[in-house]
PDB file of N, CA and C in Angstrom:
ATOM      1  N   UNK A   1      -4.636  41.539  20.972  1.00  0.00           N
ATOM      2  CA  UNK A   1      -5.685  42.089  20.160  1.00  0.00           C
ATOM      3  C   UNK A   1      -6.276  40.994  19.275  1.00  0.00           C
ATOM      4  N   UNK A   2      -7.576  40.821  19.298  1.00  0.00           N
ATOM      5  CA  UNK A   2      -8.258  39.799  18.501  1.00  0.00           C
ATOM      6  C   UNK A   2      -8.475  40.286  17.082  1.00  0.00           C
ATOM      7  N   UNK A   3      -8.206  39.400  16.132  1.00  0.00           N
ATOM      8  CA  UNK A   3      -8.471  39.737  14.737  1.00  0.00           C
ATOM      9  C   UNK A   3      -9.936  39.489  14.425  1.00  0.00           C
ATOM     10  N   UNK A   4     -10.549  40.404  13.747  1.00  0.00           N
ATOM     11  CA  UNK A   4     -11.924  40.231  13.308  1.00  0.00           C
ATOM     12  C   UNK A   4     -11.908  39.562  11.947  1.00  0.00           C
ATOM     13  N   UNK A   5     -12.823  38.634  11.695  1.00  0.00           N
ATOM     14  CA  UNK A   5     -12.877  37.998  10.375  1.00  0.00           C
ATOM     15  C   UNK A   5     -13.316  39.011   9.326  1.00  0.00           C
ATOM     16  N   UNK A   6     -12.830  38.814   8.121  1.00  0.00           N
ATOM     17  CA  UNK A   6     -13.183  39.695   7.016  1.00  0.00           C
ATOM     18  C   UNK A   6     -14.598  39.459   6.524  1.00  0.00           C
ATOM     19  N   UNK A   7     -15.122  38.279   6.787  1.00  0.00           N
ATOM     20  CA  UNK A   7     -16.453  37.922   6.298  1.00  0.00           C
ATOM     21  C   UNK A   7     -17.501  38.113   7.386  1.00  0.00           C
ATOM     22  N   UNK A   8     -18.729  38.405   6.979  1.00  0.00           N
ATOM     23  CA  UNK A   8     -19.808  38.450   7.982  1.00  0.00           C
ATOM     24  C   UNK A   8     -20.035  37.059   8.574  1.00  0.00           C
ATOM     25  N   UNK A   9     -20.604  36.993   9.747  1.00  0.00           N
ATOM     26  CA  UNK A   9     -20.805  35.717  10.459  1.00  0.00           C
ATOM     27  C   UNK A   9     -21.559  34.699   9.612  1.00  0.00           C
ATOM     28  N   UNK A  10     -22.522  35.136   8.819  1.00  0.00           N
ATOM     29  CA  UNK A  10     -23.297  34.206   7.981  1.00  0.00           C
ATOM     30  C   UNK A  10     -22.456  33.548   6.899  1.00  0.00           C
ATOM     31  N   UNK A  11     -21.348  34.164   6.523  1.00  0.00           N
ATOM     32  CA  UNK A  11     -20.498  33.634   5.458  1.00  0.00           C
ATOM     33  C   UNK A  11     -19.337  32.781   5.975  1.00  0.00           C
ATOM     34  N   UNK A  12     -19.180  32.712   7.276  1.00  0.00           N
ATOM     35  CA  UNK A  12     -18.104  31.912   7.860  1.00  0.00           C
ATOM     36  C   UNK A  12     -18.531  30.446   7.943  1.00  0.00           C
ATOM     37  N   UNK A  13     -17.561  29.506   7.905  1.00  0.00           N
ATOM     38  CA  UNK A  13     -17.925  28.088   8.038  1.00  0.00           C
ATOM     39  C   UNK A  13     -18.479  27.825   9.433  1.00  0.00           C
ATOM     40  N   UNK A  14     -19.307  26.798   9.563  1.00  0.00           N
ATOM     41  CA  UNK A  14     -19.855  26.480  10.892  1.00  0.00           C
ATOM     42  C   UNK A  14     -18.735  26.049  11.840  1.00  0.00           C
ATOM     43  N   UNK A  15     -18.954  26.262  13.111  1.00  0.00           N
ATOM     44  CA  UNK A  15     -17.935  25.874  14.100  1.00  0.00           C
ATOM     45  C   UNK A  15     -17.962  24.378  14.368  1.00  0.00           C
ATOM     46  N   UNK A  16     -19.093  23.720  14.120  1.00  0.00           N
ATOM     47  CA  UNK A  16     -19.209  22.274  14.299  1.00  0.00           C
ATOM     48  C   UNK A  16     -19.748  21.644  13.024  1.00  0.00           C
ATOM     49  N   UNK A  17     -19.280  20.456  12.735  1.00  0.00           N
ATOM     50  CA  UNK A  17     -19.757  19.734  11.553  1.00  0.00           C
ATOM     51  C   UNK A  17     -21.166  19.194  11.816  1.00  0.00           C
ATOM     52  N   UNK A  18     -22.017  19.373  10.838  1.00  0.00           N
ATOM     53  CA  UNK A  18     -23.373  18.837  10.957  1.00  0.00           C
ATOM     54  C   UNK A  18     -23.368  17.371  10.544  1.00  0.00           C
ATOM     55  N   UNK A  19     -24.472  16.724  10.748  1.00  0.00           N
ATOM     56  CA  UNK A  19     -24.606  15.318  10.350  1.00  0.00           C
ATOM     57  C   UNK A  19     -24.426  15.175   8.833  1.00  0.00           C
ATOM     58  N   UNK A  20     -24.932  16.123   8.088  1.00  0.00           N
ATOM     59  CA  UNK A  20     -24.778  16.090   6.629  1.00  0.00           C
ATOM     60  C   UNK A  20     -23.311  16.270   6.250  1.00  0.00           C
ATOM     61  N   UNK A  21     -22.594  17.174   6.931  1.00  0.00           N
ATOM     62  CA  UNK A  21     -21.164  17.355   6.683  1.00  0.00           C
ATOM     63  C   UNK A  21     -20.406  16.058   6.924  1.00  0.00           C
ATOM     64  N   UNK A  22     -20.731  15.381   8.006  1.00  0.00           N
ATOM     65  CA  UNK A  22     -20.067  14.119   8.337  1.00  0.00           C
ATOM     66  C   UNK A  22     -20.354  13.052   7.287  1.00  0.00           C
ATOM     67  N   UNK A  23     -21.590  13.006   6.826  1.00  0.00           N
ATOM     68  CA  UNK A  23     -21.965  12.028   5.808  1.00  0.00           C
ATOM     69  C   UNK A  23     -21.246  12.319   4.484  1.00  0.00           C
ATOM     70  N   UNK A  24     -21.162  13.585   4.118  1.00  0.00           N
ATOM     71  CA  UNK A  24     -20.466  13.952   2.878  1.00  0.00           C
ATOM     72  C   UNK A  24     -18.978  13.626   2.967  1.00  0.00           C
ATOM     73  N   UNK A  25     -18.372  13.871   4.126  1.00  0.00           N
ATOM     74  CA  UNK A  25     -16.948  13.535   4.303  1.00  0.00           C
ATOM     75  C   UNK A  25     -16.742  12.024   4.199  1.00  0.00           C
ATOM     76  N   UNK A  26     -17.631  11.248   4.804  1.00  0.00           N
ATOM     77  CA  UNK A  26     -17.541   9.788   4.734  1.00  0.00           C
ATOM     78  C   UNK A  26     -17.651   9.324   3.284  1.00  0.00           C
ATOM     79  N   UNK A  27     -18.575   9.899   2.517  1.00  0.00           N
ATOM     80  CA  UNK A  27     -18.728   9.523   1.113  1.00  0.00           C
ATOM     81  C   UNK A  27     -17.487   9.906   0.305  1.00  0.00           C
ATOM     82  N   UNK A  28     -16.919  11.067   0.595  1.00  0.00           N
ATOM     83  CA  UNK A  28     -15.692  11.493  -0.089  1.00  0.00           C
ATOM     84  C   UNK A  28     -14.551  10.529   0.216  1.00  0.00           C
ATOM     85  N   UNK A  29     -14.400  10.138   1.470  1.00  0.00           N
ATOM     86  CA  UNK A  29     -13.341   9.210   1.850  1.00  0.00           C
ATOM     87  C   UNK A  29     -13.522   7.855   1.167  1.00  0.00           C
ATOM     88  N   UNK A  30     -14.746   7.369   1.128  1.00  0.00           N
ATOM     89  CA  UNK A  30     -15.023   6.079   0.466  1.00  0.00           C
ATOM     90  C   UNK A  30     -14.723   6.143  -1.022  1.00  0.00           C
ATOM     91  N   UNK A  31     -15.154   7.213  -1.667  1.00  0.00           N
ATOM     92  CA  UNK A  31     -14.906   7.382  -3.108  1.00  0.00           C
ATOM     93  C   UNK A  31     -13.424   7.490  -3.402  1.00  0.00           C
ATOM     94  N   UNK A  32     -12.742   8.280  -2.606  1.00  0.00           N
ATOM     95  CA  UNK A  32     -11.301   8.455  -2.791  1.00  0.00           C
ATOM     96  C   UNK A  32     -10.586   7.124  -2.597  1.00  0.00           C
ATOM     97  N   UNK A  33     -10.985   6.358  -1.580  1.00  0.00           N
ATOM     98  CA  UNK A  33     -10.388   5.045  -1.343  1.00  0.00           C
ATOM     99  C   UNK A  33     -10.599   4.107  -2.513  1.00  0.00           C
ATOM    100  N   UNK A  34     -11.805   4.097  -3.052  1.00  0.00           N
ATOM    101  CA  UNK A  34     -12.108   3.223  -4.197  1.00  0.00           C
ATOM    102  C   UNK A  34     -11.291   3.639  -5.424  1.00  0.00           C
ATOM    103  N   UNK A  35     -11.229   4.939  -5.692  1.00  0.00           N
ATOM    104  CA  UNK A  35     -10.451   5.426  -6.849  1.00  0.00           C
ATOM    105  C   UNK A  35      -8.959   5.145  -6.663  1.00  0.00           C
ATOM    106  N   UNK A  36      -8.458   5.316  -5.435  1.00  0.00           N
ATOM    107  CA  UNK A  36      -7.058   5.011  -5.139  1.00  0.00           C
ATOM    108  C   UNK A  36      -6.771   3.538  -5.417  1.00  0.00           C
ATOM    109  N   UNK A  37      -7.623   2.652  -4.896  1.00  0.00           N
ATOM    110  CA  UNK A  37      -7.428   1.215  -5.070  1.00  0.00           C
ATOM    111  C   UNK A  37      -7.425   0.846  -6.556  1.00  0.00           C
ATOM    112  N   UNK A  38      -8.344   1.418  -7.321  1.00  0.00           N
ATOM    113  CA  UNK A  38      -8.421   1.131  -8.752  1.00  0.00           C
ATOM    114  C   UNK A  38      -7.206   1.646  -9.515  1.00  0.00           C
ATOM    115  N   UNK A  39      -6.552   2.692  -8.984  1.00  0.00           N
ATOM    116  CA  UNK A  39      -5.365   3.249  -9.638  1.00  0.00           C
ATOM    117  C   UNK A  39      -4.100   2.435  -9.358  1.00  0.00           C
ATOM    118  N   UNK A  40      -4.164   1.538  -8.368  1.00  0.00           N
ATOM    119  CA  UNK A  40      -2.989   0.748  -7.978  1.00  0.00           C
ATOM    120  C   UNK A  40      -2.748  -0.410  -8.946  1.00  0.00           C
ATOM    121  N   UNK A  41      -1.488  -0.859  -9.007  1.00  0.00           N
ATOM    122  CA  UNK A  41      -1.151  -2.033  -9.816  1.00  0.00           C
ATOM    123  C   UNK A  41      -1.620  -3.305  -9.092  1.00  0.00           C
ATOM    124  N   UNK A  42      -1.518  -4.437  -9.776  1.00  0.00           N
ATOM    125  CA  UNK A  42      -2.021  -5.711  -9.225  1.00  0.00           C
ATOM    126  C   UNK A  42      -1.335  -6.115  -7.923  1.00  0.00           C
ATOM    127  N   UNK A  43      -0.028  -5.910  -7.845  1.00  0.00           N
ATOM    128  CA  UNK A  43       0.711  -6.298  -6.639  1.00  0.00           C
ATOM    129  C   UNK A  43       0.243  -5.475  -5.445  1.00  0.00           C
ATOM    130  N   UNK A  44       0.112  -4.171  -5.635  1.00  0.00           N
ATOM    131  CA  UNK A  44      -0.334  -3.302  -4.548  1.00  0.00           C
ATOM    132  C   UNK A  44      -1.761  -3.642  -4.139  1.00  0.00           C
ATOM    133  N   UNK A  45      -2.616  -3.923  -5.114  1.00  0.00           N
ATOM    134  CA  UNK A  45      -3.996  -4.319  -4.793  1.00  0.00           C
ATOM    135  C   UNK A  45      -4.016  -5.598  -3.965  1.00  0.00           C
ATOM    136  N   UNK A  46      -3.186  -6.570  -4.347  1.00  0.00           N
ATOM    137  CA  UNK A  46      -3.128  -7.838  -3.606  1.00  0.00           C
ATOM    138  C   UNK A  46      -2.653  -7.594  -2.175  1.00  0.00           C
ATOM    139  N   UNK A  47      -1.635  -6.754  -2.013  1.00  0.00           N
ATOM    140  CA  UNK A  47      -1.140  -6.443  -0.670  1.00  0.00           C
ATOM    141  C   UNK A  47      -2.217  -5.746   0.163  1.00  0.00           C
ATOM    142  N   UNK A  48      -2.874  -4.748  -0.419  1.00  0.00           N
ATOM    143  CA  UNK A  48      -3.918  -4.033   0.309  1.00  0.00           C
ATOM    144  C   UNK A  48      -5.092  -4.950   0.652  1.00  0.00           C
ATOM    145  N   UNK A  49      -5.388  -5.885  -0.244  1.00  0.00           N
ATOM    146  CA  UNK A  49      -6.506  -6.808  -0.009  1.00  0.00           C
ATOM    147  C   UNK A  49      -6.240  -7.747   1.163  1.00  0.00           C
ATOM    148  N   UNK A  50      -4.966  -7.937   1.499  1.00  0.00           N
ATOM    149  CA  UNK A  50      -4.639  -8.815   2.627  1.00  0.00           C
ATOM    150  C   UNK A  50      -4.634  -8.055   3.959  1.00  0.00           C
ATOM    151  N   UNK A  51      -4.959  -6.751   3.915  1.00  0.00           N
ATOM    152  CA  UNK A  51      -4.959  -5.904   5.111  1.00  0.00           C
ATOM    153  C   UNK A  51      -6.311  -5.222   5.275  1.00  0.00           C
ATOM    154  N   UNK A  52      -6.490  -4.619   6.433  1.00  0.00           N
ATOM    155  CA  UNK A  52      -7.598  -3.681   6.624  1.00  0.00           C
ATOM    156  C   UNK A  52      -7.036  -2.310   6.281  1.00  0.00           C
ATOM    157  N   UNK A  53      -7.718  -1.545   5.441  1.00  0.00           N
ATOM    158  CA  UNK A  53      -7.216  -0.222   5.085  1.00  0.00           C
ATOM    159  C   UNK A  53      -8.380   0.713   4.786  1.00  0.00           C
ATOM    160  N   UNK A  54      -8.111   2.000   4.922  1.00  0.00           N
ATOM    161  CA  UNK A  54      -9.116   3.013   4.614  1.00  0.00           C
ATOM    162  C   UNK A  54      -8.419   4.353   4.385  1.00  0.00           C
ATOM    163  N   UNK A  55      -9.147   5.265   3.760  1.00  0.00           N
ATOM    164  CA  UNK A  55      -8.674   6.625   3.533  1.00  0.00           C
ATOM    165  C   UNK A  55      -9.480   7.528   4.445  1.00  0.00           C
ATOM    166  N   UNK A  56      -8.805   8.468   5.110  1.00  0.00           N
ATOM    167  CA  UNK A  56      -9.495   9.392   6.000  1.00  0.00           C
ATOM    168  C   UNK A  56      -9.009  10.818   5.769  1.00  0.00           C
ATOM    169  N   UNK A  57      -9.835  11.767   6.169  1.00  0.00           N
ATOM    170  CA  UNK A  57      -9.471  13.181   6.094  1.00  0.00           C
ATOM    171  C   UNK A  57      -9.690  13.846   7.443  1.00  0.00           C
ATOM    172  N   UNK A  58      -9.722  13.062   8.507  1.00  0.00           N
ATOM    173  CA  UNK A  58     -10.013  13.595   9.844  1.00  0.00           C
ATOM    174  C   UNK A  58      -9.099  14.744  10.246  1.00  0.00           C
ATOM    175  N   UNK A  59      -7.842  14.639   9.985  1.00  0.00           N
ATOM    176  CA  UNK A  59      -6.890  15.661  10.410  1.00  0.00           C
ATOM    177  C   UNK A  59      -6.794  16.819   9.415  1.00  0.00           C
ATOM    178  N   UNK A  60      -7.662  16.829   8.421  1.00  0.00           N
ATOM    179  CA  UNK A  60      -7.623  17.885   7.414  1.00  0.00           C
ATOM    180  C   UNK A  60      -6.816  17.488   6.191  1.00  0.00           C
ATOM    181  N   UNK A  61      -5.903  16.554   6.355  1.00  0.00           N
ATOM    182  CA  UNK A  61      -5.105  16.062   5.234  1.00  0.00           C
ATOM    183  C   UNK A  61      -5.551  14.646   4.897  1.00  0.00           C
ATOM    184  N   UNK A  62      -5.356  14.265   3.666  1.00  0.00           N
ATOM    185  CA  UNK A  62      -5.704  12.907   3.241  1.00  0.00           C
ATOM    186  C   UNK A  62      -4.704  11.926   3.844  1.00  0.00           C
ATOM    187  N   UNK A  63      -5.207  10.856   4.455  1.00  0.00           N
ATOM    188  CA  UNK A  63      -4.330   9.845   5.042  1.00  0.00           C
ATOM    189  C   UNK A  63      -4.839   8.454   4.681  1.00  0.00           C
ATOM    190  N   UNK A  64      -3.902   7.632   4.204  1.00  0.00           N
ATOM    191  CA  UNK A  64      -4.172   6.227   3.961  1.00  0.00           C
ATOM    192  C   UNK A  64      -3.698   5.465   5.188  1.00  0.00           C
ATOM    193  N   UNK A  65      -4.601   4.735   5.828  1.00  0.00           N
ATOM    194  CA  UNK A  65      -4.282   3.964   7.025  1.00  0.00           C
ATOM    195  C   UNK A  65      -4.367   2.485   6.662  1.00  0.00           C
ATOM    196  N   UNK A  66      -3.284   1.755   6.924  1.00  0.00           N
ATOM    197  CA  UNK A  66      -3.218   0.332   6.603  1.00  0.00           C
ATOM    198  C   UNK A  66      -2.909  -0.430   7.892  1.00  0.00           C
ATOM    199  N   UNK A  67      -3.744  -1.409   8.198  1.00  0.00           N
ATOM    200  CA  UNK A  67      -3.572  -2.232   9.393  1.00  0.00           C
ATOM    201  C   UNK A  67      -3.213  -3.647   8.942  1.00  0.00           C
ATOM    202  N   UNK A  68      -1.976  -4.046   9.169  1.00  0.00           N
ATOM    203  CA  UNK A  68      -1.473  -5.333   8.676  1.00  0.00           C
ATOM    204  C   UNK A  68      -1.762  -6.460   9.674  1.00  0.00           C
ATOM    205  N   UNK A  69      -2.224  -7.613   9.180  1.00  0.00           N
ATOM    206  CA  UNK A  69      -2.583  -8.721  10.071  1.00  0.00           C
ATOM    207  C   UNK A  69      -1.389  -9.500  10.606  1.00  0.00           C
ATOM    208  N   UNK A  70      -0.292  -9.493   9.857  1.00  0.00           N
ATOM    209  CA  UNK A  70       0.899 -10.224  10.326  1.00  0.00           C
ATOM    210  C   UNK A  70       2.152  -9.528   9.805  1.00  0.00           C
ATOM    211  N   UNK A  71       3.286  -9.847  10.402  1.00  0.00           N
ATOM    212  CA  UNK A  71       4.527  -9.099  10.195  1.00  0.00           C
ATOM    213  C   UNK A  71       5.064  -9.198   8.769  1.00  0.00           C
ATOM    214  N   UNK A  72       4.897 -10.326   8.109  1.00  0.00           N
ATOM    215  CA  UNK A  72       5.394 -10.468   6.736  1.00  0.00           C
ATOM    216  C   UNK A  72       4.649  -9.504   5.808  1.00  0.00           C
ATOM    217  N   UNK A  73       3.341  -9.431   5.967  1.00  0.00           N
ATOM    218  CA  UNK A  73       2.550  -8.487   5.168  1.00  0.00           C
ATOM    219  C   UNK A  73       2.968  -7.057   5.470  1.00  0.00           C
ATOM    220  N   UNK A  74       3.216  -6.758   6.741  1.00  0.00           N
ATOM    221  CA  UNK A  74       3.676  -5.425   7.140  1.00  0.00           C
ATOM    222  C   UNK A  74       4.950  -5.058   6.383  1.00  0.00           C
ATOM    223  N   UNK A  75       5.913  -5.946   6.324  1.00  0.00           N
ATOM    224  CA  UNK A  75       7.175  -5.651   5.643  1.00  0.00           C
ATOM    225  C   UNK A  75       6.976  -5.522   4.137  1.00  0.00           C
ATOM    226  N   UNK A  76       6.079  -6.312   3.569  1.00  0.00           N
ATOM    227  CA  UNK A  76       5.779  -6.168   2.137  1.00  0.00           C
ATOM    228  C   UNK A  76       5.144  -4.808   1.851  1.00  0.00           C
ATOM    229  N   UNK A  77       4.222  -4.389   2.705  1.00  0.00           N
ATOM    230  CA  UNK A  77       3.577  -3.078   2.544  1.00  0.00           C
ATOM    231  C   UNK A  77       4.614  -1.964   2.674  1.00  0.00           C
ATOM    232  N   UNK A  78       5.426  -2.016   3.715  1.00  0.00           N
ATOM    233  CA  UNK A  78       6.436  -0.973   3.939  1.00  0.00           C
ATOM    234  C   UNK A  78       7.432  -0.927   2.772  1.00  0.00           C
ATOM    235  N   UNK A  79       7.774  -2.078   2.219  1.00  0.00           N
ATOM    236  CA  UNK A  79       8.679  -2.117   1.061  1.00  0.00           C
ATOM    237  C   UNK A  79       8.023  -1.553  -0.189  1.00  0.00           C
ATOM    238  N   UNK A  80       6.712  -1.545  -0.221  1.00  0.00           N
ATOM    239  CA  UNK A  80       5.966  -1.063  -1.385  1.00  0.00           C
ATOM    240  C   UNK A  80       5.512   0.394  -1.225  1.00  0.00           C
ATOM    241  N   UNK A  81       5.997   1.072  -0.193  1.00  0.00           N
ATOM    242  CA  UNK A  81       5.599   2.459   0.087  1.00  0.00           C
ATOM    243  C   UNK A  81       5.817   3.388  -1.115  1.00  0.00           C
ATOM    244  N   UNK A  82       6.938   3.311  -1.848  1.00  0.00           N
ATOM    245  CA  UNK A  82       7.094   4.218  -2.997  1.00  0.00           C
ATOM    246  C   UNK A  82       5.965   4.084  -4.026  1.00  0.00           C
ATOM    247  N   UNK A  83       5.551   2.865  -4.335  1.00  0.00           N
ATOM    248  CA  UNK A  83       4.468   2.666  -5.300  1.00  0.00           C
ATOM    249  C   UNK A  83       3.136   3.146  -4.733  1.00  0.00           C
ATOM    250  N   UNK A  84       2.886   2.849  -3.471  1.00  0.00           N
ATOM    251  CA  UNK A  84       1.646   3.282  -2.822  1.00  0.00           C
ATOM    252  C   UNK A  84       1.589   4.805  -2.786  1.00  0.00           C
ATOM    253  N   UNK A  85       2.689   5.411  -2.405  1.00  0.00           N
ATOM    254  CA  UNK A  85       2.747   6.875  -2.336  1.00  0.00           C
ATOM    255  C   UNK A  85       2.563   7.534  -3.686  1.00  0.00           C
ATOM    256  N   UNK A  86       3.120   6.928  -4.709  1.00  0.00           N
ATOM    257  CA  UNK A  86       2.976   7.457  -6.067  1.00  0.00           C
ATOM    258  C   UNK A  86       1.504   7.519  -6.454  1.00  0.00           C
ATOM    259  N   UNK A  87       0.761   6.477  -6.156  1.00  0.00           N
ATOM    260  CA  UNK A  87      -0.677   6.442  -6.483  1.00  0.00           C
ATOM    261  C   UNK A  87      -1.471   7.415  -5.609  1.00  0.00           C
ATOM    262  N   UNK A  88      -1.129   7.479  -4.314  1.00  0.00           N
ATOM    263  CA  UNK A  88      -1.850   8.344  -3.391  1.00  0.00           C
ATOM    264  C   UNK A  88      -1.603   9.821  -3.702  1.00  0.00           C
ATOM    265  N   UNK A  89      -0.410  10.135  -4.167  1.00  0.00           N
ATOM    266  CA  UNK A  89      -0.051  11.520  -4.464  1.00  0.00           C
ATOM    267  C   UNK A  89      -0.928  12.108  -5.578  1.00  0.00           C
ATOM    268  N   UNK A  90      -1.495  11.260  -6.410  1.00  0.00           N
ATOM    269  CA  UNK A  90      -2.393  11.725  -7.461  1.00  0.00           C
ATOM    270  C   UNK A  90      -3.654  12.370  -6.891  1.00  0.00           C
ATOM    271  N   UNK A  91      -3.984  12.012  -5.649  1.00  0.00           N
ATOM    272  CA  UNK A  91      -5.196  12.533  -5.017  1.00  0.00           C
ATOM    273  C   UNK A  91      -4.925  13.722  -4.112  1.00  0.00           C
ATOM    274  N   UNK A  92      -3.733  13.787  -3.536  1.00  0.00           N
ATOM    275  CA  UNK A  92      -3.358  14.912  -2.671  1.00  0.00           C
ATOM    276  C   UNK A  92      -1.847  14.904  -2.473  1.00  0.00           C
ATOM    277  N   UNK A  93      -1.206  15.985  -2.832  1.00  0.00           N
ATOM    278  CA  UNK A  93       0.261  16.040  -2.736  1.00  0.00           C
ATOM    279  C   UNK A  93       0.741  16.091  -1.283  1.00  0.00           C
ATOM    280  N   UNK A  94      -0.147  16.426  -0.364  1.00  0.00           N
ATOM    281  CA  UNK A  94       0.246  16.470   1.051  1.00  0.00           C
ATOM    282  C   UNK A  94      -0.294  15.271   1.832  1.00  0.00           C
ATOM    283  N   UNK A  95      -0.665  14.209   1.137  1.00  0.00           N
ATOM    284  CA  UNK A  95      -1.216  13.016   1.785  1.00  0.00           C
ATOM    285  C   UNK A  95      -0.158  12.307   2.631  1.00  0.00           C
ATOM    286  N   UNK A  96      -0.639  11.489   3.546  1.00  0.00           N
ATOM    287  CA  UNK A  96       0.240  10.686   4.400  1.00  0.00           C
ATOM    288  C   UNK A  96      -0.198   9.235   4.354  1.00  0.00           C
ATOM    289  N   UNK A  97       0.750   8.373   4.702  1.00  0.00           N
ATOM    290  CA  UNK A  97       0.484   6.934   4.794  1.00  0.00           C
ATOM    291  C   UNK A  97       0.879   6.499   6.198  1.00  0.00           C
ATOM    292  N   UNK A  98      -0.010   5.782   6.863  1.00  0.00           N
ATOM    293  CA  UNK A  98       0.298   5.225   8.188  1.00  0.00           C
ATOM    294  C   UNK A  98       0.058   3.722   8.113  1.00  0.00           C
ATOM    295  N   UNK A  99       1.092   2.946   8.455  1.00  0.00           N
ATOM    296  CA  UNK A  99       1.007   1.483   8.396  1.00  0.00           C
ATOM    297  C   UNK A  99       1.172   0.937   9.814  1.00  0.00           C
ATOM    298  N   UNK A 100       0.168   0.189  10.255  1.00  0.00           N
ATOM    299  CA  UNK A 100       0.199  -0.427  11.582  1.00  0.00           C
ATOM    300  C   UNK A 100       0.679  -1.868  11.469  1.00  0.00           C
ATOM    301  N   UNK A 101       1.690  -2.231  12.263  1.00  0.00           N
ATOM    302  CA  UNK A 101       2.101  -3.648  12.311  1.00  0.00           C
ATOM    303  C   UNK A 101       1.076  -4.423  13.126  1.00  0.00           C
ATOM    304  N   UNK A 102       1.188  -5.753  13.151  1.00  0.00           N
ATOM    305  CA  UNK A 102       0.282  -6.525  14.003  1.00  0.00           C
ATOM    306  C   UNK A 102       0.400  -6.061  15.455  1.00  0.00           C
ATOM    307  N   UNK A 103      -0.669  -6.215  16.195  1.00  0.00           N
ATOM    308  CA  UNK A 103      -0.693  -5.781  17.591  1.00  0.00           C
ATOM    309  C   UNK A 103       0.484  -6.373  18.368  1.00  0.00           C
ATOM    310  N   UNK A 104       1.198  -5.511  19.077  1.00  0.00           N
ATOM    311  CA  UNK A 104       2.311  -5.944  19.906  1.00  0.00           C
ATOM    312  C   UNK A 104       3.619  -6.162  19.159  1.00  0.00           C
ATOM    313  N   UNK A 105       3.655  -5.830  17.860  1.00  0.00           N
ATOM    314  CA  UNK A 105       4.858  -6.080  17.054  1.00  0.00           C
ATOM    315  C   UNK A 105       5.593  -4.804  16.649  1.00  0.00           C
ATOM    316  N   UNK A 106       5.346  -3.698  17.322  1.00  0.00           N
ATOM    317  CA  UNK A 106       6.062  -2.468  17.009  1.00  0.00           C
ATOM    318  C   UNK A 106       5.135  -1.275  16.929  1.00  0.00           C
ATOM    319  N   UNK A 107       5.705  -0.171  16.501  1.00  0.00           N
ATOM    320  CA  UNK A 107       4.946   1.071  16.399  1.00  0.00           C
ATOM    321  C   UNK A 107       4.568   1.333  14.940  1.00  0.00           C
ATOM    322  N   UNK A 108       3.536   2.115  14.721  1.00  0.00           N
ATOM    323  CA  UNK A 108       3.123   2.418  13.347  1.00  0.00           C
ATOM    324  C   UNK A 108       4.204   3.183  12.586  1.00  0.00           C
ATOM    325  N   UNK A 109       4.254   2.938  11.300  1.00  0.00           N
ATOM    326  CA  UNK A 109       5.164   3.638  10.390  1.00  0.00           C
ATOM    327  C   UNK A 109       4.331   4.694   9.680  1.00  0.00           C
ATOM    328  N   UNK A 110       4.786   5.955   9.705  1.00  0.00           N
ATOM    329  CA  UNK A 110       4.040   7.028   9.041  1.00  0.00           C
ATOM    330  C   UNK A 110       4.999   7.852   8.199  1.00  0.00           C
ATOM    331  N   UNK A 111       4.531   8.191   6.988  1.00  0.00           N
ATOM    332  CA  UNK A 111       5.345   8.981   6.079  1.00  0.00           C
ATOM    333  C   UNK A 111       4.437   9.823   5.192  1.00  0.00           C
ATOM    334  N   UNK A 112       4.879  11.030   4.896  1.00  0.00           N
ATOM    335  CA  UNK A 112       4.169  11.890   3.957  1.00  0.00           C
ATOM    336  C   UNK A 112       4.594  11.545   2.534  1.00  0.00           C
ATOM    337  N   UNK A 113       3.679  11.679   1.584  1.00  0.00           N
ATOM    338  CA  UNK A 113       4.052  11.329   0.209  1.00  0.00           C
ATOM    339  C   UNK A 113       5.156  12.243  -0.311  1.00  0.00           C
ATOM    340  N   UNK A 114       5.278  13.440   0.255  1.00  0.00           N
ATOM    341  CA  UNK A 114       6.351  14.343  -0.151  1.00  0.00           C
ATOM    342  C   UNK A 114       7.707  13.941   0.440  1.00  0.00           C
ATOM    343  N   UNK A 115       7.733  12.982   1.350  1.00  0.00           N
ATOM    344  CA  UNK A 115       8.975  12.496   1.963  1.00  0.00           C
ATOM    345  C   UNK A 115       9.459  11.190   1.337  1.00  0.00           C
ATOM    346  N   UNK A 116       8.697  10.635   0.429  1.00  0.00           N
ATOM    347  CA  UNK A 116       8.983   9.296  -0.082  1.00  0.00           C
ATOM    348  C   UNK A 116      10.253   9.237  -0.917  1.00  0.00           C
ATOM    349  N   UNK A 117      10.603  10.312  -1.602  1.00  0.00           N
ATOM    350  CA  UNK A 117      11.835  10.255  -2.411  1.00  0.00           C
ATOM    351  C   UNK A 117      13.046   9.994  -1.535  1.00  0.00           C
ATOM    352  N   UNK A 118      13.109  10.582  -0.342  1.00  0.00           N
ATOM    353  CA  UNK A 118      14.209  10.331   0.595  1.00  0.00           C
ATOM    354  C   UNK A 118      14.134   8.892   1.116  1.00  0.00           C
ATOM    355  N   UNK A 119      12.924   8.414   1.375  1.00  0.00           N
ATOM    356  CA  UNK A 119      12.716   7.046   1.851  1.00  0.00           C
ATOM    357  C   UNK A 119      13.146   6.044   0.773  1.00  0.00           C
ATOM    358  N   UNK A 120      12.824   6.327  -0.473  1.00  0.00           N
ATOM    359  CA  UNK A 120      13.188   5.445  -1.599  1.00  0.00           C
ATOM    360  C   UNK A 120      14.708   5.302  -1.671  1.00  0.00           C
ATOM    361  N   UNK A 121      15.430   6.403  -1.458  1.00  0.00           N
ATOM    362  CA  UNK A 121      16.895   6.355  -1.487  1.00  0.00           C
ATOM    363  C   UNK A 121      17.440   5.519  -0.337  1.00  0.00           C
ATOM    364  N   UNK A 122      16.728   5.519   0.792  1.00  0.00           N
ATOM    365  CA  UNK A 122      17.153   4.765   1.963  1.00  0.00           C
ATOM    366  C   UNK A 122      16.957   3.255   1.740  1.00  0.00           C
ATOM    367  N   UNK A 123      15.888   2.885   0.987  1.00  0.00           N
ATOM    368  CA  UNK A 123      15.654   1.474   0.717  1.00  0.00           C
ATOM    369  C   UNK A 123      16.773   0.966  -0.131  1.00  0.00           C
TER     370      UNK A 123
END
């Protein structure tokens, strides 16, 4: 049995994102990324500046994606996950962090900011 929506069709969200929706999401991601970066301490800013990184909401949740150019930077970023997560959590408690190692050097590391306390204990 199919459930009928409680709202009339005109009040339901569109089934596809319009060009304006996409532009607004891009602006939100850029703003959030800039505010996140400004909220970070100097060490975290320096680490992020040595990588390619961006904030996205494609999957519905806020995600910080970091692409590391070399393995030493990757390990510094991964070691700094508690501080990064602390700053990111200010923007969304269900946010995630995905860190990519250099090409061919392993698989991406992904963690939710709500999982970081367990990760911190493991470090």
